[in-house]
Amino acid sequence: MKKVVVFGIFDGVHEGHRSLFKQAKEYGDELVVIVGRDSASVRWKNKKPRYSEKTRRGLVSKEAGVDSAVLGDEEQSSYKVLEDINPDVICLGYDQEALEEDIKEWLSKTGKNTPLIRLESYQPETNHNSFKNN
């Protein structure tokens, strides 16, 4: 069984997130969504999320195509969650450049060869949370 992971804050699930899940699921049999901690939202997006990490995890876990949703690491850039899940593929959203570089660095340090795949955007001008939350 091929396991795929995606990362995100998912502060209110929208069609762009659903597109991400659907695209990622095409790369494997089991989709695990890693929901960023509240502290990760501050680090990556420079703001606190509207919904708590537990609420966001619960919302994501109910989405079609999502086999499981787990909270990310408390310690940023440690990627213990990736060690635990041991995915076959890591999929990233079109706008996750900084995360991609961070994961590449971790993969290099750990000697892992897990493929990183950049997924296509879904109407970013209307569905990206930075637009929706303003």
C-alpha atoms as a PDB file:
ATOM      1  CA  MET A   1       0.000   0.000   0.000  1.00  0.00           C
ATOM      2  CA  LYS A   2       1.477   3.337  -1.093  1.00  0.00           C
ATOM      3  CA  LYS A   3       1.211   6.093   1.523  1.00  0.00           C
ATOM      4  CA  VAL A   4       1.031   9.782   0.567  1.00  0.00           C
ATOM      5  CA  VAL A   5       1.184  12.798   2.884  1.00  0.00           C
ATOM      6  CA  VAL A   6       0.290  16.447   2.493  1.00  0.00           C
ATOM      7  CA  PHE A   7       0.934  19.293   4.901  1.00  0.00           C
ATOM      8  CA  GLY A   8      -1.127  22.350   5.672  1.00  0.00           C
ATOM      9  CA  ILE A   9      -2.703  24.572   8.271  1.00  0.00           C
ATOM     10  CA  PHE A  10      -6.216  24.047   6.823  1.00  0.00           C
ATOM     11  CA  ASP A  11      -7.795  26.938   8.715  1.00  0.00           C
ATOM     12  CA  GLY A  12     -11.227  26.345   7.242  1.00  0.00           C
ATOM     13  CA  VAL A  13     -11.349  23.738   4.474  1.00  0.00           C
ATOM     14  CA  HIS A  14     -12.181  25.114   1.012  1.00  0.00           C
ATOM     15  CA  GLU A  15     -12.239  23.841  -2.584  1.00  0.00           C
ATOM     16  CA  GLY A  16      -8.520  24.496  -2.988  1.00  0.00           C
ATOM     17  CA  HIS A  17      -7.810  22.120  -0.106  1.00  0.00           C
ATOM     18  CA  ARG A  18     -10.196  19.541  -1.545  1.00  0.00           C
ATOM     19  CA  SER A  19      -8.351  19.783  -4.855  1.00  0.00           C
ATOM     20  CA  LEU A  20      -5.060  19.244  -2.987  1.00  0.00           C
ATOM     21  CA  PHE A  21      -6.442  16.101  -1.307  1.00  0.00           C
ATOM     22  CA  LYS A  22      -7.797  14.739  -4.581  1.00  0.00           C
ATOM     23  CA  GLN A  23      -4.544  15.361  -6.468  1.00  0.00           C
ATOM     24  CA  ALA A  24      -2.419  13.860  -3.684  1.00  0.00           C
ATOM     25  CA  LYS A  25      -4.597  10.753  -3.489  1.00  0.00           C
ATOM     26  CA  GLU A  26      -3.706  10.044  -7.139  1.00  0.00           C
ATOM     27  CA  TYR A  27      -0.141   9.270  -6.007  1.00  0.00           C
ATOM     28  CA  GLY A  28      -1.059   6.511  -3.571  1.00  0.00           C
ATOM     29  CA  ASP A  29      -3.609   4.352  -1.821  1.00  0.00           C
ATOM     30  CA  GLU A  30      -3.622   6.016   1.589  1.00  0.00           C
ATOM     31  CA  LEU A  31      -3.721   9.783   2.132  1.00  0.00           C
ATOM     32  CA  VAL A  32      -2.490  11.086   5.466  1.00  0.00           C
ATOM     33  CA  VAL A  33      -2.979  14.807   6.034  1.00  0.00           C
ATOM     34  CA  ILE A  34      -0.551  16.439   8.442  1.00  0.00           C
ATOM     35  CA  VAL A  35      -2.327  19.389  10.040  1.00  0.00           C
ATOM     36  CA  GLY A  36       0.029  22.108  11.214  1.00  0.00           C
ATOM     37  CA  ARG A  37       0.084  23.078  14.850  1.00  0.00           C
ATOM     38  CA  ASP A  38      -1.075  26.516  15.900  1.00  0.00           C
ATOM     39  CA  SER A  39       2.594  27.461  16.343  1.00  0.00           C
ATOM     40  CA  ALA A  40       3.325  26.355  12.759  1.00  0.00           C
ATOM     41  CA  SER A  41       0.688  28.765  11.482  1.00  0.00           C
ATOM     42  CA  VAL A  42       2.505  31.601  13.201  1.00  0.00           C
ATOM     43  CA  ARG A  43       5.825  30.438  11.739  1.00  0.00           C
ATOM     44  CA  TRP A  44       4.711  29.794   8.146  1.00  0.00           C
ATOM     45  CA  LYS A  45       1.853  32.293   7.776  1.00  0.00           C
ATOM     46  CA  ASN A  46       2.755  34.915  10.390  1.00  0.00           C
ATOM     47  CA  LYS A  47      -0.647  34.661  12.038  1.00  0.00           C
ATOM     48  CA  LYS A  48      -2.584  32.595  14.518  1.00  0.00           C
ATOM     49  CA  PRO A  49      -5.287  30.381  12.978  1.00  0.00           C
ATOM     50  CA  ARG A  50      -8.982  31.071  13.520  1.00  0.00           C
ATOM     51  CA  TYR A  51      -9.660  27.446  14.474  1.00  0.00           C
ATOM     52  CA  SER A  52      -7.741  25.378  17.014  1.00  0.00           C
ATOM     53  CA  GLU A  53      -5.441  22.623  15.786  1.00  0.00           C
ATOM     54  CA  LYS A  54      -7.837  19.981  17.177  1.00  0.00           C
ATOM     55  CA  THR A  55     -10.794  21.515  15.347  1.00  0.00           C
ATOM     56  CA  ARG A  56      -8.819  21.800  12.101  1.00  0.00           C
ATOM     57  CA  ARG A  57      -7.691  18.165  12.377  1.00  0.00           C
ATOM     58  CA  GLY A  58     -11.291  17.072  12.936  1.00  0.00           C
ATOM     59  CA  LEU A  59     -12.574  19.021   9.935  1.00  0.00           C
ATOM     60  CA  VAL A  60      -9.859  17.638   7.647  1.00  0.00           C
ATOM     61  CA  SER A  61     -10.437  14.053   8.806  1.00  0.00           C
ATOM     62  CA  LYS A  62     -14.043  14.224   7.541  1.00  0.00           C
ATOM     63  CA  GLU A  63     -13.061  15.215   3.993  1.00  0.00           C
ATOM     64  CA  ALA A  64     -13.498  12.809   1.079  1.00  0.00           C
ATOM     65  CA  GLY A  65     -10.321  10.973   0.151  1.00  0.00           C
ATOM     66  CA  VAL A  66      -8.600  11.659   3.476  1.00  0.00           C
ATOM     67  CA  ASP A  67      -7.772   8.376   5.190  1.00  0.00           C
ATOM     68  CA  SER A  68      -6.379   9.982   8.327  1.00  0.00           C
ATOM     69  CA  ALA A  69      -5.427  13.382   9.684  1.00  0.00           C
ATOM     70  CA  VAL A  70      -2.702  13.840  12.268  1.00  0.00           C
ATOM     71  CA  LEU A  71      -1.240  16.848  14.002  1.00  0.00           C
ATOM     72  CA  GLY A  72       2.231  17.924  12.966  1.00  0.00           C
ATOM     73  CA  ASP A  73       5.225  18.111  15.240  1.00  0.00           C
ATOM     74  CA  GLU A  74       5.400  20.459  18.206  1.00  0.00           C
ATOM     75  CA  GLU A  75       9.071  21.065  17.377  1.00  0.00           C
ATOM     76  CA  GLN A  76       9.288  22.811  14.031  1.00  0.00           C
ATOM     77  CA  SER A  77      11.383  21.188  11.285  1.00  0.00           C
ATOM     78  CA  SER A  78      11.949  18.003  13.299  1.00  0.00           C
ATOM     79  CA  TYR A  79       9.642  15.958  11.032  1.00  0.00           C
ATOM     80  CA  LYS A  80       9.204  13.197  13.597  1.00  0.00           C
ATOM     81  CA  VAL A  81       5.729  12.852  12.127  1.00  0.00           C
ATOM     82  CA  LEU A  82       7.325  11.849   8.811  1.00  0.00           C
ATOM     83  CA  GLU A  83       9.491   9.301  10.618  1.00  0.00           C
ATOM     84  CA  ASP A  84       6.345   7.820  12.196  1.00  0.00           C
ATOM     85  CA  ILE A  85       4.265   7.780   9.009  1.00  0.00           C
ATOM     86  CA  ASN A  86       7.143   6.800   6.692  1.00  0.00           C
ATOM     87  CA  PRO A  87       5.381   7.987   3.524  1.00  0.00           C
ATOM     88  CA  ASP A  88       6.186   6.781   0.026  1.00  0.00           C
ATOM     89  CA  VAL A  89       5.431  10.228  -1.415  1.00  0.00           C
ATOM     90  CA  ILE A  90       5.251  13.759   0.012  1.00  0.00           C
ATOM     91  CA  CYS A  91       2.933  16.101  -1.893  1.00  0.00           C
ATOM     92  CA  LEU A  92       3.086  19.855  -1.450  1.00  0.00           C
ATOM     93  CA  GLY A  93       0.729  22.627  -2.448  1.00  0.00           C
ATOM     94  CA  TYR A  94       1.633  25.076  -5.184  1.00  0.00           C
ATOM     95  CA  ASP A  95       2.401  27.807  -2.621  1.00  0.00           C
ATOM     96  CA  GLN A  96       4.534  25.815  -0.165  1.00  0.00           C
ATOM     97  CA  GLU A  97       8.001  26.864  -1.383  1.00  0.00           C
ATOM     98  CA  ALA A  98       9.451  27.480   2.086  1.00  0.00           C
ATOM     99  CA  LEU A  99       8.133  24.149   3.355  1.00  0.00           C
ATOM    100  CA  GLU A 100       9.579  22.403   0.310  1.00  0.00           C
ATOM    101  CA  GLU A 101      13.052  23.784   1.049  1.00  0.00           C
ATOM    102  CA  ASP A 102      12.743  22.844   4.725  1.00  0.00           C
ATOM    103  CA  ILE A 103      11.702  19.263   3.902  1.00  0.00           C
ATOM    104  CA  LYS A 104      14.439  18.925   1.255  1.00  0.00           C
ATOM    105  CA  GLU A 105      16.996  19.903   3.890  1.00  0.00           C
ATOM    106  CA  TRP A 106      15.570  17.328   6.311  1.00  0.00           C
ATOM    107  CA  LEU A 107      15.532  14.606   3.629  1.00  0.00           C
ATOM    108  CA  SER A 108      19.153  15.372   2.805  1.00  0.00           C
ATOM    109  CA  LYS A 109      20.219  15.236   6.472  1.00  0.00           C
ATOM    110  CA  THR A 110      18.425  11.942   7.040  1.00  0.00           C
ATOM    111  CA  GLY A 111      19.503  10.335   3.767  1.00  0.00           C
ATOM    112  CA  LYS A 112      15.922   9.671   2.713  1.00  0.00           C
ATOM    113  CA  ASN A 113      14.921   9.621  -0.949  1.00  0.00           C
ATOM    114  CA  THR A 114      11.187  10.197  -0.529  1.00  0.00           C
ATOM    115  CA  PRO A 115       9.837  11.908  -3.662  1.00  0.00           C
ATOM    116  CA  LEU A 116       8.513  15.458  -3.241  1.00  0.00           C
ATOM    117  CA  ILE A 117       5.738  16.326  -5.682  1.00  0.00           C
ATOM    118  CA  ARG A 118       4.389  19.850  -6.214  1.00  0.00           C
ATOM    119  CA  LEU A 119       0.642  19.848  -6.887  1.00  0.00           C
ATOM    120  CA  GLU A 120      -1.286  22.210  -9.152  1.00  0.00           C
ATOM    121  CA  SER A 121      -3.137  25.251  -7.857  1.00  0.00           C
ATOM    122  CA  TYR A 122      -6.907  25.480  -7.845  1.00  0.00           C
ATOM    123  CA  GLN A 123      -8.081  29.016  -8.584  1.00  0.00           C
ATOM    124  CA  PRO A 124      -5.582  30.574  -6.142  1.00  0.00           C
ATOM    125  CA  GLU A 125      -6.948  34.071  -6.738  1.00  0.00           C
ATOM    126  CA  THR A 126     -10.297  33.098  -5.186  1.00  0.00           C
ATOM    127  CA  ASN A 127      -9.594  30.207  -2.808  1.00  0.00           C
ATOM    128  CA  HIS A 128      -6.292  30.925  -1.090  1.00  0.00           C
ATOM    129  CA  ASN A 129      -6.850  31.574   2.619  1.00  0.00           C
ATOM    130  CA  SER A 130      -4.768  34.757   2.528  1.00  0.00           C
ATOM    131  CA  PHE A 131      -7.516  36.227   0.322  1.00  0.00           C
ATOM    132  CA  LYS A 132     -10.437  34.647   2.185  1.00  0.00           C
ATOM    133  CA  ASN A 133      -9.321  35.891   5.604  1.00  0.00           C
ATOM    134  CA  ASN A 134      -8.954  39.572   4.662  1.00  0.00           C
END
